Structures are given as C-alpha cells and as structure tokens.
Amino acid sequence: MDVSIINPFLSACEEAFATMFNIMPQPKAPYLLDPVAGHNWEISGLVAVSGDETGVVAFRLHKILAAKMLEISGVPVDTPEEREEMINQLVSEFTNIITGNAVSAITTKNIAVSAPVVRTGENHVIPWPRTTRVIAVPFTTRQGSFEVNICFRGM
C-alpha cells in the first residue's frame, strides 16, 4: 500500500469537509473492503485514476449526510426531485474538488482522474477491478458517517 498516493486523497477529503461545510471528520481504522459484499451507503462519488497509477477512488456516504451538506451550502431547492438532483450534483462536485486537490498534492507521479460519476441507491454496485484490493477508510462526523475507498493496481 503506497501511502504517498492514498494519504493525499484522505487529507483532501478531510480538508474539503472542514473548509466547505465546517464538518470535522474523524478517521477510523482502515480495513480491506470485500467488493462483492453488500453495503449500506446510499450515494457514491467515483473517479477513475490513470497515469503512473491506475485504479478507482470512491467517496461513499449516506443521503442524510449529503442532505446536510446541501443544507449547509445554502442552495435553495423547491421540490423533492430537485433536492435529489442537487444532492447528486453536490456529491459529484465534491468528489471533483477532493480528487483535484489530491492529484495536485501528488508531485512524485503523473496522475490524472476522470470526471466524477455518481452512483445511488441501496447497495449500488461499484465496478471494482477484480485483481486488486480495495482499502476502505471510514470516517465519522456529527452529521453522519462516510467512507473513502481506494483501489490502485498493485496494492
């Protein structure tokens, strides 16, 4: 596990929560994710990583936390459908900000990330590479929990 690649994603995530939403995440012990096991995350922002390192990074959270982030952002919504769409857009943009900051902090490797993709729904599927381990780092906040999943070839 190359922490020089993983840690910038974790740090950028913590910093984005703190600066954008005044939410202070507390990391918990990382673990190996079973990619075929069920999960209880309701929304995930994903990016593909390419260049010197290849893989997938996912930011997974419950809708209650995403809704709180939307509320804190002050974006007005009129209907439940509009609220749902705004939550998805917020998670997409949040994922984009985190990965952009992480890639900027990784100066020893040439790394690019794809545009974010958002997956929603109970037990939604993420297409993890089958030959690589997935590291999961859970976080807690007063507003809810979330998890960062990182999967790079060779981990």
Protein backbone atom coordinates (compact mmCIF):
# COMPACT_ATOMS: atom_id res chain seq x y z
CA MET A 1 0.00 0.00 0.00
CA ASP A 2 1.60 3.26 -1.15
CA VAL A 3 0.55 5.85 1.43
CA SER A 4 2.13 8.62 -0.65
CA ILE A 5 -0.77 8.07 -3.09
CA ILE A 6 -3.52 7.22 -0.58
CA ASN A 7 -2.90 9.94 2.02
CA PRO A 8 -3.43 12.90 -0.34
CA PHE A 9 -6.96 11.64 -1.09
CA LEU A 10 -7.73 11.25 2.61
CA SER A 11 -6.24 14.65 3.52
CA ALA A 12 -8.05 16.41 0.66
CA CYS A 13 -11.32 14.82 1.78
CA GLU A 14 -10.90 15.92 5.39
CA GLU A 15 -9.89 19.43 4.31
CA ALA A 16 -12.83 19.79 1.93
CA PHE A 17 -15.34 18.77 4.60
CA ALA A 18 -13.78 21.21 7.06
CA THR A 19 -13.45 24.23 4.75
CA MET A 20 -16.60 23.84 2.68
CA PHE A 21 -19.06 22.64 5.32
CA ASN A 22 -17.38 23.19 8.69
CA ILE A 23 -17.68 19.43 9.25
CA MET A 24 -14.73 17.88 11.08
CA PRO A 25 -14.31 14.24 10.04
CA GLN A 26 -12.60 11.77 12.36
CA PRO A 27 -10.88 8.81 10.64
CA LYS A 28 -11.30 5.31 11.97
CA ALA A 29 -9.18 2.21 11.35
CA PRO A 30 -8.83 1.27 7.67
CA TYR A 31 -9.83 -2.20 6.52
CA LEU A 32 -9.89 -4.31 3.37
CA LEU A 33 -13.24 -3.99 1.64
CA ASP A 34 -14.96 -7.08 0.30
CA PRO A 35 -16.01 -5.70 -3.11
CA VAL A 36 -18.85 -8.20 -3.57
CA ALA A 37 -20.32 -7.86 -0.07
CA GLY A 38 -23.38 -5.72 0.43
CA HIS A 39 -23.10 -2.25 1.93
CA ASN A 40 -25.33 0.42 3.39
CA TRP A 41 -24.02 3.50 1.53
CA GLU A 42 -26.72 5.29 -0.45
CA ILE A 43 -24.59 7.53 -2.65
CA SER A 44 -21.05 7.27 -4.01
CA GLY A 45 -18.88 9.67 -5.99
CA LEU A 46 -16.34 7.75 -8.11
CA VAL A 47 -13.33 8.67 -10.20
CA ALA A 48 -11.03 6.55 -12.32
CA VAL A 49 -7.32 7.21 -11.84
CA SER A 50 -4.83 6.83 -14.70
CA GLY A 51 -1.19 7.57 -15.42
CA ASP A 52 1.65 6.24 -13.26
CA GLU A 53 -1.03 4.71 -11.01
CA THR A 54 -4.33 3.26 -12.17
CA GLY A 55 -7.41 2.47 -10.17
CA VAL A 56 -10.64 3.77 -8.69
CA VAL A 57 -11.38 6.09 -5.76
CA ALA A 58 -14.86 6.30 -4.24
CA PHE A 59 -16.34 8.67 -1.67
CA ARG A 60 -19.35 6.88 -0.13
CA LEU A 61 -21.92 8.38 2.19
CA HIS A 62 -25.46 8.24 3.45
CA LYS A 63 -28.04 10.57 1.95
CA ILE A 64 -28.63 12.16 5.34
CA LEU A 65 -25.05 13.47 5.34
CA ALA A 66 -25.31 14.55 1.71
CA ALA A 67 -28.58 16.36 2.53
CA LYS A 68 -26.87 18.11 5.45
CA MET A 69 -24.04 19.20 3.12
CA LEU A 70 -26.62 20.61 0.71
CA GLU A 71 -28.37 22.44 3.56
CA ILE A 72 -25.08 23.94 4.78
CA SER A 73 -24.22 25.04 1.23
CA GLY A 74 -27.34 27.23 1.22
CA VAL A 75 -28.55 26.08 -2.19
CA PRO A 76 -32.33 26.51 -2.30
CA VAL A 77 -34.45 23.60 -3.53
CA ASP A 78 -38.17 23.64 -4.22
CA THR A 79 -39.17 20.02 -4.81
CA PRO A 80 -38.03 16.58 -3.63
CA GLU A 81 -36.92 15.79 -7.18
CA GLU A 82 -34.85 18.97 -7.34
CA ARG A 83 -33.36 18.16 -3.92
CA GLU A 84 -32.35 14.69 -5.14
CA GLU A 85 -30.74 16.14 -8.27
CA MET A 86 -28.90 18.81 -6.26
CA ILE A 87 -27.56 16.19 -3.82
CA ASN A 88 -26.19 14.16 -6.74
CA GLN A 89 -24.61 17.27 -8.26
CA LEU A 90 -23.13 18.26 -4.90
CA VAL A 91 -21.56 14.81 -4.42
CA SER A 92 -20.19 14.93 -7.96
CA GLU A 93 -18.64 18.37 -7.48
CA PHE A 94 -17.36 17.47 -4.01
CA THR A 95 -15.70 14.37 -5.47
CA ASN A 96 -14.17 16.52 -8.22
CA ILE A 97 -12.76 19.03 -5.71
CA ILE A 98 -11.27 16.33 -3.49
CA THR A 99 -9.63 14.44 -6.33
CA GLY A 100 -8.32 17.62 -7.93
CA ASN A 101 -6.71 18.68 -4.65
CA ALA A 102 -5.31 15.19 -4.07
CA VAL A 103 -3.77 14.95 -7.54
CA SER A 104 -2.22 18.42 -7.10
CA ALA A 105 -0.60 17.23 -3.87
CA ILE A 106 0.93 14.14 -5.51
CA THR A 107 4.06 15.61 -7.05
CA THR A 108 6.13 12.44 -7.49
CA LYS A 109 3.84 10.76 -10.02
CA ASN A 110 1.96 11.65 -13.18
CA ILE A 111 -1.69 11.05 -12.28
CA ALA A 112 -4.95 12.06 -13.96
CA VAL A 113 -8.52 11.46 -12.85
CA SER A 114 -11.72 11.07 -14.81
CA ALA A 115 -14.78 13.22 -14.39
CA PRO A 116 -16.76 12.04 -11.36
CA VAL A 117 -19.59 9.56 -11.69
CA VAL A 118 -22.30 9.31 -9.03
CA ARG A 119 -23.94 6.00 -8.13
CA THR A 120 -27.03 5.99 -5.94
CA GLY A 121 -29.45 3.57 -4.36
CA GLU A 122 -29.32 0.98 -1.65
CA ASN A 123 -26.48 -1.49 -2.18
CA HIS A 124 -25.50 0.13 -5.51
CA VAL A 125 -22.67 -1.61 -7.38
CA ILE A 126 -19.21 -0.18 -7.95
CA PRO A 127 -17.19 -1.87 -10.70
CA TRP A 128 -14.01 -2.52 -8.69
CA PRO A 129 -11.10 -4.14 -10.55
CA ARG A 130 -11.23 -7.84 -9.68
CA THR A 131 -7.49 -8.36 -9.22
CA THR A 132 -6.79 -5.52 -6.80
CA ARG A 133 -7.54 -4.99 -3.12
CA VAL A 134 -9.79 -2.14 -2.03
CA ILE A 135 -8.74 -0.17 1.06
CA ALA A 136 -11.65 1.36 2.97
CA VAL A 137 -11.12 4.25 5.37
CA PRO A 138 -14.24 5.06 7.41
CA PHE A 139 -14.85 8.50 8.90
CA THR A 140 -17.37 9.76 11.41
CA THR A 141 -18.80 13.24 11.81
CA ARG A 142 -21.55 14.73 13.95
CA GLN A 143 -23.68 14.87 10.81
CA GLY A 144 -23.12 11.24 9.75
CA SER A 145 -20.51 8.81 8.55
CA PHE A 146 -18.78 8.37 5.22
CA GLU A 147 -16.04 6.23 3.75
CA VAL A 148 -13.21 6.65 1.28
CA ASN A 149 -12.48 3.54 -0.80
CA ILE A 150 -9.22 3.39 -2.71
CA CYS A 151 -8.18 0.73 -5.18
CA PHE A 152 -4.91 1.05 -7.12
CA ARG A 153 -3.30 -1.63 -9.27
CA GLY A 154 -0.58 -3.36 -7.30
CA MET A 155 -2.00 -2.61 -3.84
